[in-house]
Amino acid sequence: MNDLSIETPNEEEFKLFQHLIERELGIYLPSEKKVMLGNRLWKRVVANECASYRRYYRLICRVDNAKELARELELITTNETFFFREKKHFQFLEEELPQYFQQYKKLKVWSAACSTGEEPYSIAMTLMNTGYINSWSVMASDVNKKVLQKAKDAIYLDQRTQNIPPDYRKKYFQQGIGEFNGYIRVKPEVRKRVAFLQCNLSNDFSHIGLFDVVFLRNVLIYFSLERKKDILQRVSKQMKKGGVLFTGHSESLHGLVSDLKCICPAIYLKQ
């Protein structure tokens, strides 16, 4: 491995990382993610002057290398996201949700696996824009500390924000100038409405409280069936009766949890 061209781990090396990631994060990487794993880890393999992925694996498993292990896990858990992903969910939040929560004085929303913050800020802007409930809060969590810091900074490449409605862009964003030309930033009045928390969905999170609305989208696909069932059951326990759960459109909950009823595609009601 003397050149800088990206190499793919062999099957044995991939399984080492597969088991490590599942043990540390509960995330199961199927074999088709082998190229993705190589793409994300290669620079760290080179930077640490390791002759193979196996040697890099041995390096990060050493007791005195906790920082490098954390960096490796962060690289694996950096997910693609964007503002107002799956627009029908936000239409539901704006137009349909009021009928479920007119009786509540305060609405509590949890954006689980929030990545770099586009989802919780999209939720906050929608709630600010609707005005159907005066008191609400958004908590956003992720296992990855690095993406949480990016979420808190709330600075995004302008070219990656094409899904933001023009009126929202004008009302809730600041245009970057000087060294930040080509970027936009979520305005302070939106940022202060979102609280961020590091949370590993594979671990106990019962301390975070109860929520009326939970966004758990495009993350269950990374877990094994048993782990997925366990996470869903524990998420359901953090939802108030009559609460609403949003999932990714490719994620079916059939047979996984009994107290969530599908009311729209990828939208469930806590019974």
Protein backbone atom coordinates (compact mmCIF):
# COMPACT_ATOMS: atom_id res chain seq x y z
CA MET A 1 0.00 0.00 0.00
CA ASN A 2 2.59 2.52 -1.10
CA ASP A 3 0.39 4.65 -3.40
CA LEU A 4 -2.60 6.78 -2.43
CA SER A 5 -5.17 4.99 -4.58
CA ILE A 6 -8.05 3.68 -2.50
CA GLU A 7 -7.95 -0.04 -1.83
CA THR A 8 -10.86 -2.19 -0.68
CA PRO A 9 -10.44 -4.40 2.41
CA ASN A 10 -10.49 -8.12 1.73
CA GLU A 11 -13.26 -10.28 3.15
CA GLU A 12 -11.38 -11.20 6.31
CA GLU A 13 -10.46 -7.58 7.02
CA PHE A 14 -14.02 -6.43 6.35
CA LYS A 15 -15.38 -8.93 8.90
CA LEU A 16 -13.02 -7.59 11.56
CA PHE A 17 -14.46 -4.09 11.15
CA GLN A 18 -17.98 -5.45 10.71
CA HIS A 19 -17.82 -7.13 14.13
CA LEU A 20 -16.11 -4.12 15.71
CA ILE A 21 -18.76 -1.67 14.47
CA GLU A 22 -21.62 -3.92 15.55
CA ARG A 23 -20.05 -4.37 18.99
CA GLU A 24 -19.42 -0.65 19.52
CA LEU A 25 -22.47 0.88 17.81
CA GLY A 26 -24.94 -1.91 17.21
CA ILE A 27 -24.75 -1.13 13.49
CA TYR A 28 -24.52 -4.10 11.15
CA LEU A 29 -22.66 -3.47 7.89
CA PRO A 30 -23.69 -5.95 5.18
CA SER A 31 -21.04 -7.24 2.77
CA GLU A 32 -22.14 -4.85 0.02
CA LYS A 33 -20.79 -1.99 2.19
CA LYS A 34 -17.22 -3.22 1.78
CA VAL A 35 -16.32 -0.55 -0.79
CA MET A 36 -17.94 2.15 1.35
CA LEU A 37 -15.88 1.02 4.34
CA GLY A 38 -12.69 1.24 2.30
CA ASN A 39 -13.59 4.70 0.95
CA ARG A 40 -14.16 6.06 4.44
CA LEU A 41 -11.19 4.48 6.21
CA TRP A 42 -8.45 4.57 3.59
CA LYS A 43 -7.08 8.00 4.51
CA ARG A 44 -6.80 6.95 8.16
CA VAL A 45 -4.98 3.76 7.12
CA VAL A 46 -2.49 5.87 5.15
CA ALA A 47 -2.19 8.60 7.81
CA ASN A 48 -1.30 5.99 10.43
CA GLU A 49 1.23 4.37 8.06
CA CYS A 50 -0.48 0.99 8.29
CA ALA A 51 0.42 -1.58 5.63
CA SER A 52 -3.07 -3.09 5.61
CA TYR A 53 -6.57 -2.70 7.00
CA ARG A 54 -5.76 -5.53 9.40
CA ARG A 55 -2.89 -3.50 10.89
CA TYR A 56 -5.15 -0.46 11.18
CA TYR A 57 -7.70 -2.64 12.96
CA ARG A 58 -5.04 -3.80 15.44
CA LEU A 59 -3.99 -0.18 15.94
CA ILE A 60 -7.46 1.12 16.85
CA CYS A 61 -8.14 -1.83 19.15
CA ARG A 62 -5.22 -0.92 21.40
CA VAL A 63 -6.25 0.46 24.80
CA ASP A 64 -4.15 3.59 24.30
CA ASN A 65 -5.77 4.40 20.95
CA ALA A 66 -9.28 5.35 22.03
CA LYS A 67 -9.17 8.62 20.04
CA GLU A 68 -8.37 6.85 16.77
CA LEU A 69 -11.12 4.31 17.42
CA ALA A 70 -13.59 7.16 18.01
CA ARG A 71 -12.45 8.79 14.76
CA GLU A 72 -12.95 5.54 12.84
CA LEU A 73 -16.46 5.11 14.25
CA GLU A 74 -17.31 8.72 13.37
CA LEU A 75 -16.27 8.13 9.76
CA ILE A 76 -18.61 5.14 9.55
CA THR A 77 -21.59 6.94 11.07
CA THR A 78 -21.48 10.06 8.89
CA ASN A 79 -24.69 9.80 6.87
CA GLU A 80 -26.00 11.71 3.86
CA THR A 81 -28.88 14.04 4.70
CA PHE A 82 -30.48 17.25 3.46
CA PHE A 83 -33.12 19.81 4.40
CA PHE A 84 -36.80 18.81 4.15
CA ARG A 85 -35.97 15.25 3.16
CA GLU A 86 -39.21 13.36 2.36
CA LYS A 87 -41.36 16.49 1.97
CA LYS A 88 -44.63 14.71 2.75
CA HIS A 89 -43.49 14.26 6.33
CA PHE A 90 -43.17 18.00 6.76
CA GLN A 91 -46.49 18.57 5.03
CA PHE A 92 -48.01 16.20 7.59
CA LEU A 93 -46.24 18.06 10.39
CA GLU A 94 -47.69 21.35 9.15
CA GLU A 95 -51.15 20.32 7.99
CA GLU A 96 -52.22 17.09 9.71
CA LEU A 97 -50.42 17.00 13.05
CA PRO A 98 -52.56 19.73 14.70
CA GLN A 99 -55.55 17.38 14.88
CA TYR A 100 -53.51 15.02 17.07
CA PHE A 101 -52.08 17.60 19.45
CA GLN A 102 -54.68 20.33 19.90
CA GLN A 103 -55.14 19.16 23.49
CA TYR A 104 -51.45 19.58 24.38
CA LYS A 105 -50.01 22.81 25.75
CA LYS A 106 -46.47 21.85 24.75
CA LEU A 107 -45.20 19.72 21.88
CA LYS A 108 -41.95 17.77 22.40
CA VAL A 109 -40.16 16.47 19.30
CA TRP A 110 -37.15 14.14 19.13
CA SER A 111 -34.99 13.96 16.01
CA ALA A 112 -33.07 10.72 16.54
CA ALA A 113 -29.97 10.14 14.39
CA CYS A 114 -29.99 13.81 13.38
CA SER A 115 -26.59 13.73 11.61
CA THR A 116 -25.46 17.27 10.64
CA GLY A 117 -28.70 18.94 11.72
CA GLU A 118 -30.72 19.42 8.57
CA GLU A 119 -33.63 17.36 9.91
CA PRO A 120 -34.13 19.04 13.33
CA TYR A 121 -33.76 22.50 11.79
CA SER A 122 -36.33 21.57 9.15
CA ILE A 123 -38.67 20.49 11.97
CA ALA A 124 -38.06 23.71 13.92
CA MET A 125 -38.66 25.94 10.91
CA THR A 126 -41.88 24.10 10.10
CA LEU A 127 -43.19 24.51 13.65
CA MET A 128 -42.17 28.17 13.73
CA ASN A 129 -43.93 28.76 10.44
CA THR A 130 -47.19 27.00 11.30
CA GLY A 131 -47.85 28.70 14.62
CA TYR A 132 -50.56 26.20 15.57
CA ILE A 133 -48.92 25.51 18.91
CA ASN A 134 -47.17 28.18 20.93
CA SER A 135 -44.92 26.05 23.10
CA TRP A 136 -42.72 23.37 21.55
CA SER A 137 -39.20 22.02 21.74
CA VAL A 138 -36.93 19.95 19.51
CA MET A 139 -34.24 17.63 20.85
CA ALA A 140 -31.78 16.22 18.32
CA SER A 141 -29.40 13.34 18.97
CA ASP A 142 -26.70 11.37 17.20
CA VAL A 143 -23.95 8.94 18.18
CA ASN A 144 -21.35 10.91 16.20
CA LYS A 145 -19.78 13.86 18.08
CA LYS A 146 -18.28 15.38 14.94
CA VAL A 147 -21.60 15.65 13.08
CA LEU A 148 -23.26 17.00 16.23
CA GLN A 149 -20.75 19.85 16.29
CA LYS A 150 -21.50 20.58 12.62
CA ALA A 151 -25.19 20.57 13.49
CA LYS A 152 -24.62 23.08 16.30
CA ASP A 153 -22.58 25.31 13.97
CA ALA A 154 -25.49 25.18 11.47
CA ILE A 155 -23.35 26.28 8.49
CA TYR A 156 -24.15 24.61 5.17
CA LEU A 157 -22.96 24.77 1.58
CA ASP A 158 -25.46 26.88 -0.33
CA GLN A 159 -25.47 24.48 -3.27
CA ARG A 160 -26.73 21.66 -1.02
CA THR A 161 -29.82 23.52 0.19
CA GLN A 162 -32.01 23.48 -2.91
CA ASN A 163 -34.89 21.76 -1.06
CA ILE A 164 -35.43 24.71 1.27
CA PRO A 165 -38.59 26.66 0.28
CA PRO A 166 -37.67 30.20 -0.90
CA ASP A 167 -39.72 31.87 1.86
CA TYR A 168 -38.01 29.73 4.52
CA ARG A 169 -34.58 30.57 3.07
CA LYS A 170 -35.33 34.27 3.28
CA LYS A 171 -36.88 34.09 6.75
CA TYR A 172 -34.67 31.60 8.58
CA PHE A 173 -31.18 31.75 7.00
CA GLN A 174 -28.25 34.17 6.80
CA GLN A 175 -26.19 34.40 3.61
CA GLY A 176 -22.45 33.99 4.12
CA ILE A 177 -20.05 36.73 3.07
CA GLY A 178 -16.28 36.98 2.83
CA GLU A 179 -14.65 33.68 3.75
CA PHE A 180 -18.15 32.19 4.12
CA ASN A 181 -19.25 33.14 0.63
CA GLY A 182 -21.13 30.15 -0.83
CA TYR A 183 -22.48 29.12 2.57
CA ILE A 184 -25.66 29.84 4.49
CA ARG A 185 -26.29 29.61 8.24
CA VAL A 186 -29.44 28.92 10.20
CA LYS A 187 -30.46 32.07 12.06
CA PRO A 188 -29.99 32.23 15.86
CA GLU A 189 -33.73 32.27 16.58
CA VAL A 190 -34.01 28.84 14.96
CA ARG A 191 -30.75 27.42 16.40
CA LYS A 192 -31.77 28.24 19.96
CA ARG A 193 -34.95 26.16 19.58
CA VAL A 194 -32.97 22.92 19.01
CA ALA A 195 -31.06 21.13 21.78
CA PHE A 196 -28.39 18.59 20.81
CA LEU A 197 -27.41 15.46 22.70
CA GLN A 198 -25.03 12.58 22.01
CA CYS A 199 -27.01 9.35 22.14
CA ASN A 200 -26.25 5.79 21.02
CA LEU A 201 -29.53 4.12 20.06
CA SER A 202 -28.06 0.74 20.96
CA ASN A 203 -27.67 1.86 24.58
CA ASP A 204 -30.19 2.92 27.22
CA PHE A 205 -31.80 6.30 26.51
CA SER A 206 -34.72 6.15 28.94
CA HIS A 207 -33.40 9.28 30.69
CA ILE A 208 -34.24 11.59 27.78
CA GLY A 209 -37.93 11.84 28.66
CA LEU A 210 -41.19 11.38 26.76
CA PHE A 211 -42.03 12.82 23.35
CA ASP A 212 -45.11 13.61 21.29
CA VAL A 213 -43.29 13.26 17.97
CA VAL A 214 -40.23 11.18 17.03
CA PHE A 215 -38.30 11.28 13.76
CA LEU A 216 -36.40 7.99 13.40
CA ARG A 217 -35.68 8.07 9.70
CA ASN A 218 -33.20 6.24 7.48
CA VAL A 219 -31.25 4.76 10.39
CA LEU A 220 -32.97 1.43 11.13
CA ILE A 221 -31.58 0.01 7.87
CA TYR A 222 -28.14 -0.08 9.50
CA PHE A 223 -29.18 -2.49 12.25
CA SER A 224 -29.79 -6.23 12.38
CA LEU A 225 -33.39 -7.40 12.71
CA GLU A 226 -33.09 -8.16 16.43
CA ARG A 227 -31.34 -4.85 17.18
CA LYS A 228 -33.91 -2.99 15.09
CA LYS A 229 -36.77 -4.58 17.07
CA ASP A 230 -35.09 -3.70 20.38
CA ILE A 231 -34.52 -0.06 19.36
CA LEU A 232 -38.11 0.35 18.15
CA GLN A 233 -39.56 -1.06 21.35
CA ARG A 234 -37.44 1.30 23.46
CA VAL A 235 -38.24 4.29 21.23
CA SER A 236 -41.94 3.48 21.59
CA LYS A 237 -41.56 3.61 25.39
CA GLN A 238 -40.28 7.19 25.04
CA MET A 239 -43.43 8.21 23.14
CA LYS A 240 -46.58 9.51 24.78
CA LYS A 241 -49.86 7.76 24.01
CA GLY A 242 -51.15 9.23 20.76
CA GLY A 243 -47.63 10.23 19.74
CA VAL A 244 -46.47 10.11 16.13
CA LEU A 245 -43.38 8.33 14.74
CA PHE A 246 -41.83 9.18 11.36
CA THR A 247 -39.59 6.56 9.71
CA GLY A 248 -37.78 6.29 6.39
CA HIS A 249 -39.92 5.18 3.44
CA SER A 250 -37.73 2.12 2.91
CA GLU A 251 -38.07 1.01 6.55
CA SER A 252 -40.98 -1.29 7.39
CA LEU A 253 -42.03 -1.81 11.02
CA HIS A 254 -44.21 -4.82 10.21
CA GLY A 255 -43.92 -7.43 12.96
CA LEU A 256 -41.37 -5.41 14.93
CA VAL A 257 -43.50 -3.47 17.41
CA SER A 258 -47.15 -3.95 18.36
CA ASP A 259 -48.24 -0.56 19.71
CA LEU A 260 -47.49 1.55 16.61
CA LYS A 261 -50.21 1.78 13.96
CA CYS A 262 -49.43 2.96 10.42
CA ILE A 263 -51.64 5.96 9.56
CA CYS A 264 -49.77 7.15 6.43
CA PRO A 265 -46.74 5.85 4.51
CA ALA A 266 -43.82 5.84 7.00
CA ILE A 267 -45.93 7.56 9.69
CA TYR A 268 -47.10 5.66 12.80
CA LEU A 269 -49.41 6.45 15.71
CA LYS A 270 -48.63 5.27 19.26
CA GLN A 271 -51.75 3.44 20.49
